[in-house]
Amino acid sequence: MKIVILDGYNKNPGDLSWEPLNQLGTVTLYDHTSPDQALDRMGDAEIVLTNKVKITGEMMEACPKLQYIGITATGYDVVDLAAAKQRGIVVTNVPVYGTQSVAQHTIALLLELSNQVGRHNASVQQGDWCRSKDFCYWVSPITELAGKTMAIVGYGKIGRATGQIAQALGMRVLAVDNWQDPDQTEATYVTWEEALAQADVLSFHCGLTAQNRGMVCSESIEKMKDGVWILNTARGGLIVEQDLRQALETGKVGAAALDVVSAEPMKGDNPLLGAPNCILTPHIGGCSRQARERLLAVAMENVAAFLKGNPIHVIEG
């Protein structure tokens, strides 16, 4: 069985092992694959693993031996599911691997906005404290989170883990989700419109769909509290980036901290580059070693289950 990994570096830059996969077939590993290289590299492989390389229906058509596509991520918009179903190609993902890591990163972004640790460290390192007449000083406002309201859009596993930490910080937690868990106790379910009106902090943990693409735009921002903070560790396409930049410039949005943008890697003309009060990190929320270890283990387990004729974590087109 021929197995091709199109972009293994993304989740395993060399500190983890693909060795168990070698027991399942003949493995060809590529660290990176550009769109124009993908079809040639897939070739006559029966099994292809991808993280961010898109696989279209035309590519499947050109690879008649292809039986299985394993997505080494939770999101599955990189694969044409309808075409895969039509051709009988099994597609799987890794549904849960970075819950705690992404929640932790979300809170790290929140705390950076509230306490500005990086900015104060830079000030001290450049000698400002040594020159200060006072035993303490601050170069930007410090905000206490207790008593603030966080609205979490997408209250699945990651959203809930984030909400539990926010509640521990003394925040009031609201949740926006089409499916409501009657057993959770930390959040109050509200509508999107109610969240816009009440939230001091909006945090996004939902998938990207045709319905919610661009849900943070000039129209919805206008309904938010003045000075609202926006966190996004979900999908960049949820935000109309030019509208967010404008709101940051006017102060309508007090600050934003984002781990995702609309096109990744980030383009040099992205309107959020250089935007005021905007923190950007390079999609690292789920990149802790522990999360990546879980990811690889499940991805390889998915392949093994498929080869045994009992596939798991299958995505239906």
C-alpha atoms as a PDB file:
ATOM      1  CA  MET A   1       0.000   0.000   0.000  1.00  0.00           C
ATOM      2  CA  LYS A   2       1.510   3.320  -1.087  1.00  0.00           C
ATOM      3  CA  ILE A   3       1.102   6.165   1.404  1.00  0.00           C
ATOM      4  CA  VAL A   4       1.968   9.785   0.586  1.00  0.00           C
ATOM      5  CA  ILE A   5       2.158  12.585   3.174  1.00  0.00           C
ATOM      6  CA  LEU A   6       1.881  15.885   1.321  1.00  0.00           C
ATOM      7  CA  ASP A   7       2.760  18.385   4.067  1.00  0.00           C
ATOM      8  CA  GLY A   8       4.094  16.618   7.124  1.00  0.00           C
ATOM      9  CA  TYR A   9       6.230  19.486   8.415  1.00  0.00           C
ATOM     10  CA  ASN A  10       3.209  21.517   9.460  1.00  0.00           C
ATOM     11  CA  LYS A  11       2.467  19.305  12.451  1.00  0.00           C
ATOM     12  CA  ASN A  12       5.747  17.399  12.695  1.00  0.00           C
ATOM     13  CA  PRO A  13       8.821  19.520  11.929  1.00  0.00           C
ATOM     14  CA  GLY A  14      11.012  16.632  13.035  1.00  0.00           C
ATOM     15  CA  ASP A  15      10.494  16.381  16.773  1.00  0.00           C
ATOM     16  CA  LEU A  16       7.917  13.577  16.465  1.00  0.00           C
ATOM     17  CA  SER A  17       7.911  10.254  14.611  1.00  0.00           C
ATOM     18  CA  TRP A  18       5.947   8.897  11.663  1.00  0.00           C
ATOM     19  CA  GLU A  19       7.482   5.446  12.259  1.00  0.00           C
ATOM     20  CA  PRO A  20       4.215   3.592  13.056  1.00  0.00           C
ATOM     21  CA  LEU A  21       2.987   4.553   9.588  1.00  0.00           C
ATOM     22  CA  ASN A  22       5.878   2.654   8.023  1.00  0.00           C
ATOM     23  CA  GLN A  23       4.356  -0.554   9.381  1.00  0.00           C
ATOM     24  CA  LEU A  24       1.228   0.085   7.310  1.00  0.00           C
ATOM     25  CA  GLY A  25       2.712   0.655   3.871  1.00  0.00           C
ATOM     26  CA  THR A  26       5.413   2.294   1.787  1.00  0.00           C
ATOM     27  CA  VAL A  27       5.563   5.890   2.980  1.00  0.00           C
ATOM     28  CA  THR A  28       6.741   8.914   1.002  1.00  0.00           C
ATOM     29  CA  LEU A  29       6.992  12.007   3.176  1.00  0.00           C
ATOM     30  CA  TYR A  30       7.050  15.556   1.862  1.00  0.00           C
ATOM     31  CA  ASP A  31       7.573  18.413   4.286  1.00  0.00           C
ATOM     32  CA  HIS A  32       5.799  20.874   2.001  1.00  0.00           C
ATOM     33  CA  THR A  33       3.839  20.574  -1.227  1.00  0.00           C
ATOM     34  CA  SER A  34       2.760  23.477  -3.414  1.00  0.00           C
ATOM     35  CA  PRO A  35      -0.551  23.311  -5.314  1.00  0.00           C
ATOM     36  CA  ASP A  36       1.210  22.647  -8.607  1.00  0.00           C
ATOM     37  CA  GLN A  37       3.197  19.756  -7.080  1.00  0.00           C
ATOM     38  CA  ALA A  38       0.301  17.990  -5.362  1.00  0.00           C
ATOM     39  CA  LEU A  39      -1.127  15.973  -8.237  1.00  0.00           C
ATOM     40  CA  ASP A  40       2.241  14.620  -9.348  1.00  0.00           C
ATOM     41  CA  ARG A  41       3.142  13.639  -5.800  1.00  0.00           C
ATOM     42  CA  MET A  42      -0.182  11.917  -5.165  1.00  0.00           C
ATOM     43  CA  GLY A  43       0.407   9.897  -8.334  1.00  0.00           C
ATOM     44  CA  ASP A  44      -0.575   6.254  -7.890  1.00  0.00           C
ATOM     45  CA  ALA A  45      -0.861   6.361  -4.104  1.00  0.00           C
ATOM     46  CA  GLU A  46      -3.774   4.558  -2.489  1.00  0.00           C
ATOM     47  CA  ILE A  47      -3.532   6.653   0.685  1.00  0.00           C
ATOM     48  CA  VAL A  48      -2.834  10.390   0.909  1.00  0.00           C
ATOM     49  CA  LEU A  49      -2.456  12.463   4.069  1.00  0.00           C
ATOM     50  CA  THR A  50      -2.872  16.214   3.912  1.00  0.00           C
ATOM     51  CA  ASN A  51      -2.993  19.051   6.391  1.00  0.00           C
ATOM     52  CA  LYS A  52      -3.478  22.174   4.302  1.00  0.00           C
ATOM     53  CA  VAL A  53      -2.882  21.015   0.718  1.00  0.00           C
ATOM     54  CA  LYS A  54      -6.218  21.138  -1.092  1.00  0.00           C
ATOM     55  CA  ILE A  55      -7.436  18.024  -2.886  1.00  0.00           C
ATOM     56  CA  THR A  56     -10.061  18.710  -5.545  1.00  0.00           C
ATOM     57  CA  GLY A  57     -12.397  16.476  -7.465  1.00  0.00           C
ATOM     58  CA  GLU A  58     -10.241  16.900 -10.569  1.00  0.00           C
ATOM     59  CA  MET A  59      -7.214  15.653  -8.647  1.00  0.00           C
ATOM     60  CA  MET A  60      -9.138  12.613  -7.448  1.00  0.00           C
ATOM     61  CA  GLU A  61     -10.214  11.908 -11.014  1.00  0.00           C
ATOM     62  CA  ALA A  62      -6.573  11.942 -12.087  1.00  0.00           C
ATOM     63  CA  CYS A  63      -5.573   9.508  -9.317  1.00  0.00           C
ATOM     64  CA  PRO A  64      -7.634   6.370  -9.992  1.00  0.00           C
ATOM     65  CA  LYS A  65      -5.842   4.306  -7.332  1.00  0.00           C
ATOM     66  CA  LEU A  66      -6.705   6.751  -4.549  1.00  0.00           C
ATOM     67  CA  GLN A  67      -8.851   5.071  -1.895  1.00  0.00           C
ATOM     68  CA  TYR A  68      -8.343   7.165   1.238  1.00  0.00           C
ATOM     69  CA  ILE A  69      -7.604  10.772   2.214  1.00  0.00           C
ATOM     70  CA  GLY A  70      -6.571  11.423   5.781  1.00  0.00           C
ATOM     71  CA  ILE A  71      -6.765  15.035   6.937  1.00  0.00           C
ATOM     72  CA  THR A  72      -4.244  15.686   9.697  1.00  0.00           C
ATOM     73  CA  ALA A  73      -6.444  18.354  11.224  1.00  0.00           C
ATOM     74  CA  THR A  74      -9.988  18.850  12.473  1.00  0.00           C
ATOM     75  CA  GLY A  75     -11.182  21.158   9.718  1.00  0.00           C
ATOM     76  CA  TYR A  76     -11.933  19.423   6.429  1.00  0.00           C
ATOM     77  CA  ASP A  77     -12.555  22.216   3.936  1.00  0.00           C
ATOM     78  CA  VAL A  78      -9.336  21.289   2.097  1.00  0.00           C
ATOM     79  CA  VAL A  79     -11.030  18.253   0.515  1.00  0.00           C
ATOM     80  CA  ASP A  80     -13.924  18.155  -1.959  1.00  0.00           C
ATOM     81  CA  LEU A  81     -16.113  15.816   0.064  1.00  0.00           C
ATOM     82  CA  ALA A  82     -18.836  15.481  -2.565  1.00  0.00           C
ATOM     83  CA  ALA A  83     -16.305  14.349  -5.166  1.00  0.00           C
ATOM     84  CA  ALA A  84     -14.745  11.926  -2.707  1.00  0.00           C
ATOM     85  CA  LYS A  85     -18.115  10.399  -1.901  1.00  0.00           C
ATOM     86  CA  GLN A  86     -18.944  10.065  -5.564  1.00  0.00           C
ATOM     87  CA  ARG A  87     -15.712   8.141  -6.169  1.00  0.00           C
ATOM     88  CA  GLY A  88     -16.005   6.043  -2.997  1.00  0.00           C
ATOM     89  CA  ILE A  89     -12.931   7.605  -1.422  1.00  0.00           C
ATOM     90  CA  VAL A  90     -12.941   7.511   2.360  1.00  0.00           C
ATOM     91  CA  VAL A  91     -12.061  10.832   4.024  1.00  0.00           C
ATOM     92  CA  THR A  92     -11.199  11.103   7.722  1.00  0.00           C
ATOM     93  CA  ASN A  93     -10.063  13.834  10.063  1.00  0.00           C
ATOM     94  CA  VAL A  94      -8.754  14.147  13.619  1.00  0.00           C
ATOM     95  CA  PRO A  95     -11.788  15.478  15.486  1.00  0.00           C
ATOM     96  CA  VAL A  96     -10.200  16.121  18.883  1.00  0.00           C
ATOM     97  CA  TYR A  97      -6.546  16.740  19.599  1.00  0.00           C
ATOM     98  CA  GLY A  98      -5.898  20.344  20.595  1.00  0.00           C
ATOM     99  CA  THR A  99      -8.809  21.247  22.881  1.00  0.00           C
ATOM    100  CA  GLN A 100      -6.764  22.294  25.887  1.00  0.00           C
ATOM    101  CA  SER A 101      -3.956  23.807  23.825  1.00  0.00           C
ATOM    102  CA  VAL A 102      -6.287  26.049  21.813  1.00  0.00           C
ATOM    103  CA  ALA A 103      -8.217  27.073  24.924  1.00  0.00           C
ATOM    104  CA  GLN A 104      -4.923  27.863  26.654  1.00  0.00           C
ATOM    105  CA  HIS A 105      -3.755  29.954  23.704  1.00  0.00           C
ATOM    106  CA  THR A 106      -7.051  31.834  23.632  1.00  0.00           C
ATOM    107  CA  ILE A 107      -6.645  32.752  27.281  1.00  0.00           C
ATOM    108  CA  ALA A 108      -2.992  33.668  26.669  1.00  0.00           C
ATOM    109  CA  LEU A 109      -4.170  36.159  24.047  1.00  0.00           C
ATOM    110  CA  LEU A 110      -6.814  37.458  26.439  1.00  0.00           C
ATOM    111  CA  LEU A 111      -4.277  37.938  29.235  1.00  0.00           C
ATOM    112  CA  GLU A 112      -1.881  39.673  26.873  1.00  0.00           C
ATOM    113  CA  LEU A 113      -4.623  42.170  26.052  1.00  0.00           C
ATOM    114  CA  SER A 114      -5.481  42.666  29.704  1.00  0.00           C
ATOM    115  CA  ASN A 115      -1.980  42.821  31.226  1.00  0.00           C
ATOM    116  CA  GLN A 116       0.253  43.702  28.246  1.00  0.00           C
ATOM    117  CA  VAL A 117       3.080  41.528  29.586  1.00  0.00           C
ATOM    118  CA  GLY A 118       5.059  41.669  26.338  1.00  0.00           C
ATOM    119  CA  ARG A 119       4.905  45.456  26.136  1.00  0.00           C
ATOM    120  CA  HIS A 120       5.962  45.891  29.748  1.00  0.00           C
ATOM    121  CA  ASN A 121       8.805  43.411  29.407  1.00  0.00           C
ATOM    122  CA  ALA A 122      10.069  45.308  26.357  1.00  0.00           C
ATOM    123  CA  SER A 123       9.926  48.541  28.345  1.00  0.00           C
ATOM    124  CA  VAL A 124      11.932  47.059  31.226  1.00  0.00           C
ATOM    125  CA  GLN A 125      14.466  45.442  28.899  1.00  0.00           C
ATOM    126  CA  GLN A 126      15.158  48.770  27.200  1.00  0.00           C
ATOM    127  CA  GLY A 127      15.936  50.370  30.562  1.00  0.00           C
ATOM    128  CA  ASP A 128      12.744  52.284  31.373  1.00  0.00           C
ATOM    129  CA  TRP A 129      12.467  50.813  34.876  1.00  0.00           C
ATOM    130  CA  CYS A 130      16.105  51.600  35.621  1.00  0.00           C
ATOM    131  CA  ARG A 131      15.394  55.229  34.748  1.00  0.00           C
ATOM    132  CA  SER A 132      12.060  55.383  36.579  1.00  0.00           C
ATOM    133  CA  LYS A 133      11.608  57.511  39.696  1.00  0.00           C
ATOM    134  CA  ASP A 134       8.820  55.203  40.853  1.00  0.00           C
ATOM    135  CA  PHE A 135       8.934  51.624  42.076  1.00  0.00           C
ATOM    136  CA  CYS A 136       6.230  50.731  39.542  1.00  0.00           C
ATOM    137  CA  TYR A 137       4.832  52.188  36.336  1.00  0.00           C
ATOM    138  CA  TRP A 138       2.727  51.046  33.418  1.00  0.00           C
ATOM    139  CA  VAL A 139       3.016  51.904  29.765  1.00  0.00           C
ATOM    140  CA  SER A 140      -0.537  50.859  28.842  1.00  0.00           C
ATOM    141  CA  PRO A 141      -3.771  50.283  30.757  1.00  0.00           C
ATOM    142  CA  ILE A 142      -4.130  47.060  32.759  1.00  0.00           C
ATOM    143  CA  THR A 143      -7.624  45.575  32.823  1.00  0.00           C
ATOM    144  CA  GLU A 144      -9.111  43.293  35.457  1.00  0.00           C
ATOM    145  CA  LEU A 145     -11.131  40.546  33.802  1.00  0.00           C
ATOM    146  CA  ALA A 146     -13.284  39.580  36.773  1.00  0.00           C
ATOM    147  CA  GLY A 147     -16.821  40.840  36.220  1.00  0.00           C
ATOM    148  CA  LYS A 148     -16.382  41.213  32.462  1.00  0.00           C
ATOM    149  CA  THR A 149     -18.613  39.297  30.044  1.00  0.00           C
ATOM    150  CA  MET A 150     -17.115  36.894  27.508  1.00  0.00           C
ATOM    151  CA  ALA A 151     -19.357  35.648  24.704  1.00  0.00           C
ATOM    152  CA  ILE A 152     -18.078  32.474  23.075  1.00  0.00           C
ATOM    153  CA  VAL A 153     -19.269  31.775  19.545  1.00  0.00           C
ATOM    154  CA  GLY A 154     -19.130  28.022  19.007  1.00  0.00           C
ATOM    155  CA  TYR A 155     -19.537  26.224  22.320  1.00  0.00           C
ATOM    156  CA  GLY A 156     -18.108  22.840  21.435  1.00  0.00           C
ATOM    157  CA  LYS A 157     -15.185  21.210  23.198  1.00  0.00           C
ATOM    158  CA  ILE A 158     -12.736  24.073  22.667  1.00  0.00           C
ATOM    159  CA  GLY A 159     -15.304  26.771  23.350  1.00  0.00           C
ATOM    160  CA  ARG A 160     -16.375  25.064  26.540  1.00  0.00           C
ATOM    161  CA  ALA A 161     -12.791  24.566  27.740  1.00  0.00           C
ATOM    162  CA  THR A 162     -12.210  28.275  27.119  1.00  0.00           C
ATOM    163  CA  GLY A 163     -15.394  29.172  28.966  1.00  0.00           C
ATOM    164  CA  GLN A 164     -14.384  27.149  31.997  1.00  0.00           C
ATOM    165  CA  ILE A 165     -11.090  29.036  32.268  1.00  0.00           C
ATOM    166  CA  ALA A 166     -12.833  32.370  31.742  1.00  0.00           C
ATOM    167  CA  GLN A 167     -15.282  31.520  34.499  1.00  0.00           C
ATOM    168  CA  ALA A 168     -12.361  30.660  36.792  1.00  0.00           C
ATOM    169  CA  LEU A 169     -11.029  34.167  36.103  1.00  0.00           C
ATOM    170  CA  GLY A 170     -14.307  35.577  37.381  1.00  0.00           C
ATOM    171  CA  MET A 171     -15.829  36.335  34.004  1.00  0.00           C
ATOM    172  CA  ARG A 172     -19.487  35.927  33.098  1.00  0.00           C
ATOM    173  CA  VAL A 173     -19.699  33.506  30.189  1.00  0.00           C
ATOM    174  CA  LEU A 174     -22.261  33.578  27.380  1.00  0.00           C
ATOM    175  CA  ALA A 175     -22.448  30.936  24.645  1.00  0.00           C
ATOM    176  CA  VAL A 176     -23.706  31.154  21.071  1.00  0.00           C
ATOM    177  CA  ASP A 177     -24.316  27.772  19.453  1.00  0.00           C
ATOM    178  CA  ASN A 178     -27.049  26.081  17.460  1.00  0.00           C
ATOM    179  CA  TRP A 179     -26.693  22.982  19.650  1.00  0.00           C
ATOM    180  CA  GLN A 180     -27.078  23.560  23.372  1.00  0.00           C
ATOM    181  CA  ASP A 181     -25.663  21.212  25.993  1.00  0.00           C
ATOM    182  CA  PRO A 182     -28.140  20.930  28.885  1.00  0.00           C
ATOM    183  CA  ASP A 183     -25.436  19.559  31.193  1.00  0.00           C
ATOM    184  CA  GLN A 184     -22.998  22.468  31.049  1.00  0.00           C
ATOM    185  CA  THR A 185     -23.249  24.985  33.877  1.00  0.00           C
ATOM    186  CA  GLU A 186     -20.616  27.640  33.210  1.00  0.00           C
ATOM    187  CA  ALA A 187     -22.320  29.476  30.355  1.00  0.00           C
ATOM    188  CA  THR A 188     -25.662  31.055  29.542  1.00  0.00           C
ATOM    189  CA  TYR A 189     -26.866  30.446  25.998  1.00  0.00           C
ATOM    190  CA  VAL A 190     -27.815  33.578  24.068  1.00  0.00           C
ATOM    191  CA  THR A 191     -28.453  34.558  20.480  1.00  0.00           C
ATOM    192  CA  TRP A 192     -25.806  36.174  18.287  1.00  0.00           C
ATOM    193  CA  GLU A 193     -27.621  39.482  18.570  1.00  0.00           C
ATOM    194  CA  GLU A 194     -27.681  39.234  22.364  1.00  0.00           C
ATOM    195  CA  ALA A 195     -23.987  38.404  22.415  1.00  0.00           C
ATOM    196  CA  LEU A 196     -23.188  41.460  20.307  1.00  0.00           C
ATOM    197  CA  ALA A 197     -25.026  43.697  22.748  1.00  0.00           C
ATOM    198  CA  GLN A 198     -23.643  42.246  25.989  1.00  0.00           C
ATOM    199  CA  ALA A 199     -20.077  41.045  25.383  1.00  0.00           C
ATOM    200  CA  ASP A 200     -16.985  42.826  26.633  1.00  0.00           C
ATOM    201  CA  VAL A 201     -14.993  40.071  24.927  1.00  0.00           C
ATOM    202  CA  LEU A 202     -16.069  38.043  21.874  1.00  0.00           C
ATOM    203  CA  SER A 203     -14.175  34.787  21.368  1.00  0.00           C
ATOM    204  CA  PHE A 204     -14.665  32.621  18.264  1.00  0.00           C
ATOM    205  CA  HIS A 205     -14.445  28.818  18.329  1.00  0.00           C
ATOM    206  CA  CYS A 206     -16.734  27.764  15.479  1.00  0.00           C
ATOM    207  CA  GLY A 207     -16.077  26.236  12.094  1.00  0.00           C
ATOM    208  CA  LEU A 208     -16.262  28.319   8.940  1.00  0.00           C
ATOM    209  CA  THR A 209     -19.413  27.886   6.861  1.00  0.00           C
ATOM    210  CA  ALA A 210     -21.100  29.732   4.045  1.00  0.00           C
ATOM    211  CA  GLN A 211     -23.565  31.086   6.611  1.00  0.00           C
ATOM    212  CA  ASN A 212     -21.055  32.563   9.063  1.00  0.00           C
ATOM    213  CA  ARG A 213     -18.315  33.717   6.714  1.00  0.00           C
ATOM    214  CA  GLY A 214     -17.669  37.394   7.412  1.00  0.00           C
ATOM    215  CA  MET A 215     -19.954  37.423  10.462  1.00  0.00           C
ATOM    216  CA  VAL A 216     -17.678  40.030  12.054  1.00  0.00           C
ATOM    217  CA  CYS A 217     -18.192  42.933   9.690  1.00  0.00           C
ATOM    218  CA  SER A 218     -19.030  46.618   9.835  1.00  0.00           C
ATOM    219  CA  GLU A 219     -22.711  45.828  10.397  1.00  0.00           C
ATOM    220  CA  SER A 220     -22.185  43.447  13.337  1.00  0.00           C
ATOM    221  CA  ILE A 221     -19.361  45.558  14.792  1.00  0.00           C
ATOM    222  CA  GLU A 222     -21.725  48.509  14.949  1.00  0.00           C
ATOM    223  CA  LYS A 223     -23.947  46.465  17.297  1.00  0.00           C
ATOM    224  CA  MET A 224     -21.086  45.616  19.651  1.00  0.00           C
ATOM    225  CA  LYS A 225     -20.176  47.487  22.809  1.00  0.00           C
ATOM    226  CA  ASP A 226     -17.774  50.358  22.334  1.00  0.00           C
ATOM    227  CA  GLY A 227     -14.254  49.121  23.112  1.00  0.00           C
ATOM    228  CA  VAL A 228     -15.104  45.417  22.746  1.00  0.00           C
ATOM    229  CA  TRP A 229     -12.228  42.941  22.501  1.00  0.00           C
ATOM    230  CA  ILE A 230     -12.261  40.289  19.764  1.00  0.00           C
ATOM    231  CA  LEU A 231     -10.410  36.966  19.988  1.00  0.00           C
ATOM    232  CA  ASN A 232     -10.254  34.505  17.099  1.00  0.00           C
ATOM    233  CA  THR A 233      -8.529  31.127  17.298  1.00  0.00           C
ATOM    234  CA  ALA A 234     -11.002  29.468  14.916  1.00  0.00           C
ATOM    235  CA  ARG A 235     -11.018  30.510  11.248  1.00  0.00           C
ATOM    236  CA  GLY A 236      -9.853  33.780   9.719  1.00  0.00           C
ATOM    237  CA  GLY A 237     -12.752  33.890   7.275  1.00  0.00           C
ATOM    238  CA  LEU A 238     -15.161  34.652  10.120  1.00  0.00           C
ATOM    239  CA  ILE A 239     -13.875  38.234  10.050  1.00  0.00           C
ATOM    240  CA  VAL A 240     -13.963  40.871   7.331  1.00  0.00           C
ATOM    241  CA  GLU A 241     -10.458  42.061   8.026  1.00  0.00           C
ATOM    242  CA  GLN A 242     -10.698  45.515   6.471  1.00  0.00           C
ATOM    243  CA  ASP A 243     -13.797  46.226   8.572  1.00  0.00           C
ATOM    244  CA  LEU A 244     -12.000  45.094  11.718  1.00  0.00           C
ATOM    245  CA  ARG A 245      -9.018  47.300  10.965  1.00  0.00           C
ATOM    246  CA  GLN A 246     -11.276  50.298  10.501  1.00  0.00           C
ATOM    247  CA  ALA A 247     -13.004  49.555  13.820  1.00  0.00           C
ATOM    248  CA  LEU A 248      -9.632  49.266  15.562  1.00  0.00           C
ATOM    249  CA  GLU A 249      -8.550  52.589  14.102  1.00  0.00           C
ATOM    250  CA  THR A 250     -11.697  54.344  15.306  1.00  0.00           C
ATOM    251  CA  GLY A 251     -11.616  52.626  18.709  1.00  0.00           C
ATOM    252  CA  LYS A 252     -15.030  51.005  18.257  1.00  0.00           C
ATOM    253  CA  VAL A 253     -13.153  47.729  18.769  1.00  0.00           C
ATOM    254  CA  GLY A 254     -10.764  48.293  21.646  1.00  0.00           C
ATOM    255  CA  ALA A 255      -8.420  45.439  20.780  1.00  0.00           C
ATOM    256  CA  ALA A 256      -8.171  42.214  18.813  1.00  0.00           C
ATOM    257  CA  ALA A 257      -6.004  39.139  19.279  1.00  0.00           C
ATOM    258  CA  LEU A 258      -6.036  36.682  16.405  1.00  0.00           C
ATOM    259  CA  ASP A 259      -4.345  33.361  15.744  1.00  0.00           C
ATOM    260  CA  VAL A 260      -5.890  32.993  12.291  1.00  0.00           C
ATOM    261  CA  VAL A 261      -6.369  35.159   9.214  1.00  0.00           C
ATOM    262  CA  SER A 262      -8.298  34.810   5.970  1.00  0.00           C
ATOM    263  CA  ALA A 263      -5.338  33.593   3.875  1.00  0.00           C
ATOM    264  CA  GLU A 264      -2.546  31.570   5.459  1.00  0.00           C
ATOM    265  CA  PRO A 265       0.397  31.961   5.380  1.00  0.00           C
ATOM    266  CA  MET A 266      -0.438  35.620   5.896  1.00  0.00           C
ATOM    267  CA  LYS A 267      -0.135  37.881   2.853  1.00  0.00           C
ATOM    268  CA  GLY A 268       1.879  41.073   2.980  1.00  0.00           C
ATOM    269  CA  ASP A 269      -1.161  43.166   2.100  1.00  0.00           C
ATOM    270  CA  ASN A 270      -3.376  41.824   4.898  1.00  0.00           C
ATOM    271  CA  PRO A 271      -5.131  44.882   6.376  1.00  0.00           C
ATOM    272  CA  LEU A 272      -4.523  43.694   9.940  1.00  0.00           C
ATOM    273  CA  LEU A 273      -0.748  44.038   9.645  1.00  0.00           C
ATOM    274  CA  GLY A 274       0.134  47.182  11.565  1.00  0.00           C
ATOM    275  CA  ALA A 275      -3.426  47.709  12.800  1.00  0.00           C
ATOM    276  CA  PRO A 276      -3.563  49.414  16.216  1.00  0.00           C
ATOM    277  CA  ASN A 277      -4.149  47.277  19.312  1.00  0.00           C
ATOM    278  CA  CYS A 278      -4.026  44.091  17.286  1.00  0.00           C
ATOM    279  CA  ILE A 279      -2.032  41.036  18.348  1.00  0.00           C
ATOM    280  CA  LEU A 280      -1.348  38.388  15.706  1.00  0.00           C
ATOM    281  CA  THR A 281       0.086  34.895  16.174  1.00  0.00           C
ATOM    282  CA  PRO A 282       0.800  32.404  13.344  1.00  0.00           C
ATOM    283  CA  HIS A 283      -1.949  29.778  13.862  1.00  0.00           C
ATOM    284  CA  ILE A 284      -0.140  28.167  16.795  1.00  0.00           C
ATOM    285  CA  GLY A 285      -3.092  27.473  19.081  1.00  0.00           C
ATOM    286  CA  GLY A 286      -2.984  23.718  18.484  1.00  0.00           C
ATOM    287  CA  CYS A 287       0.776  23.398  18.068  1.00  0.00           C
ATOM    288  CA  SER A 288       1.881  22.331  21.530  1.00  0.00           C
ATOM    289  CA  ARG A 289       3.974  19.165  21.436  1.00  0.00           C
ATOM    290  CA  GLN A 290       1.297  17.342  23.404  1.00  0.00           C
ATOM    291  CA  ALA A 291      -1.439  18.313  20.941  1.00  0.00           C
ATOM    292  CA  ARG A 292       0.674  17.351  17.941  1.00  0.00           C
ATOM    293  CA  GLU A 293       1.502  13.982  19.499  1.00  0.00           C
ATOM    294  CA  ARG A 294      -2.204  13.291  19.851  1.00  0.00           C
ATOM    295  CA  LEU A 295      -2.805  14.445  16.294  1.00  0.00           C
ATOM    296  CA  LEU A 296      -0.240  12.106  14.763  1.00  0.00           C
ATOM    297  CA  ALA A 297      -1.379   9.176  16.901  1.00  0.00           C
ATOM    298  CA  VAL A 298      -4.999   9.566  15.780  1.00  0.00           C
ATOM    299  CA  ALA A 299      -4.045  10.204  12.134  1.00  0.00           C
ATOM    300  CA  MET A 300      -2.074   6.966  12.038  1.00  0.00           C
ATOM    301  CA  GLU A 301      -4.809   5.124  13.916  1.00  0.00           C
ATOM    302  CA  ASN A 302      -7.239   6.338  11.231  1.00  0.00           C
ATOM    303  CA  VAL A 303      -5.074   4.800   8.501  1.00  0.00           C
ATOM    304  CA  ALA A 304      -4.757   1.509  10.395  1.00  0.00           C
ATOM    305  CA  ALA A 305      -8.532   1.316  10.909  1.00  0.00           C
ATOM    306  CA  PHE A 306      -9.151   1.971   7.217  1.00  0.00           C
ATOM    307  CA  LEU A 307      -6.772  -0.800   6.193  1.00  0.00           C
ATOM    308  CA  LYS A 308      -8.597  -3.181   8.522  1.00  0.00           C
ATOM    309  CA  GLY A 309     -11.846  -2.356   6.750  1.00  0.00           C
ATOM    310  CA  ASN A 310     -13.366  -0.531   9.699  1.00  0.00           C
ATOM    311  CA  PRO A 311     -12.635   3.188   9.131  1.00  0.00           C
ATOM    312  CA  ILE A 312     -13.110   5.646  11.987  1.00  0.00           C
ATOM    313  CA  HIS A 313     -13.535   9.420  12.127  1.00  0.00           C
ATOM    314  CA  VAL A 314     -15.038   9.360   8.645  1.00  0.00           C
ATOM    315  CA  ILE A 315     -16.358  12.627   7.249  1.00  0.00           C
ATOM    316  CA  GLU A 316     -19.502  12.227   5.218  1.00  0.00           C
ATOM    317  CA  GLY A 317     -19.767  14.320   2.075  1.00  0.00           C
END
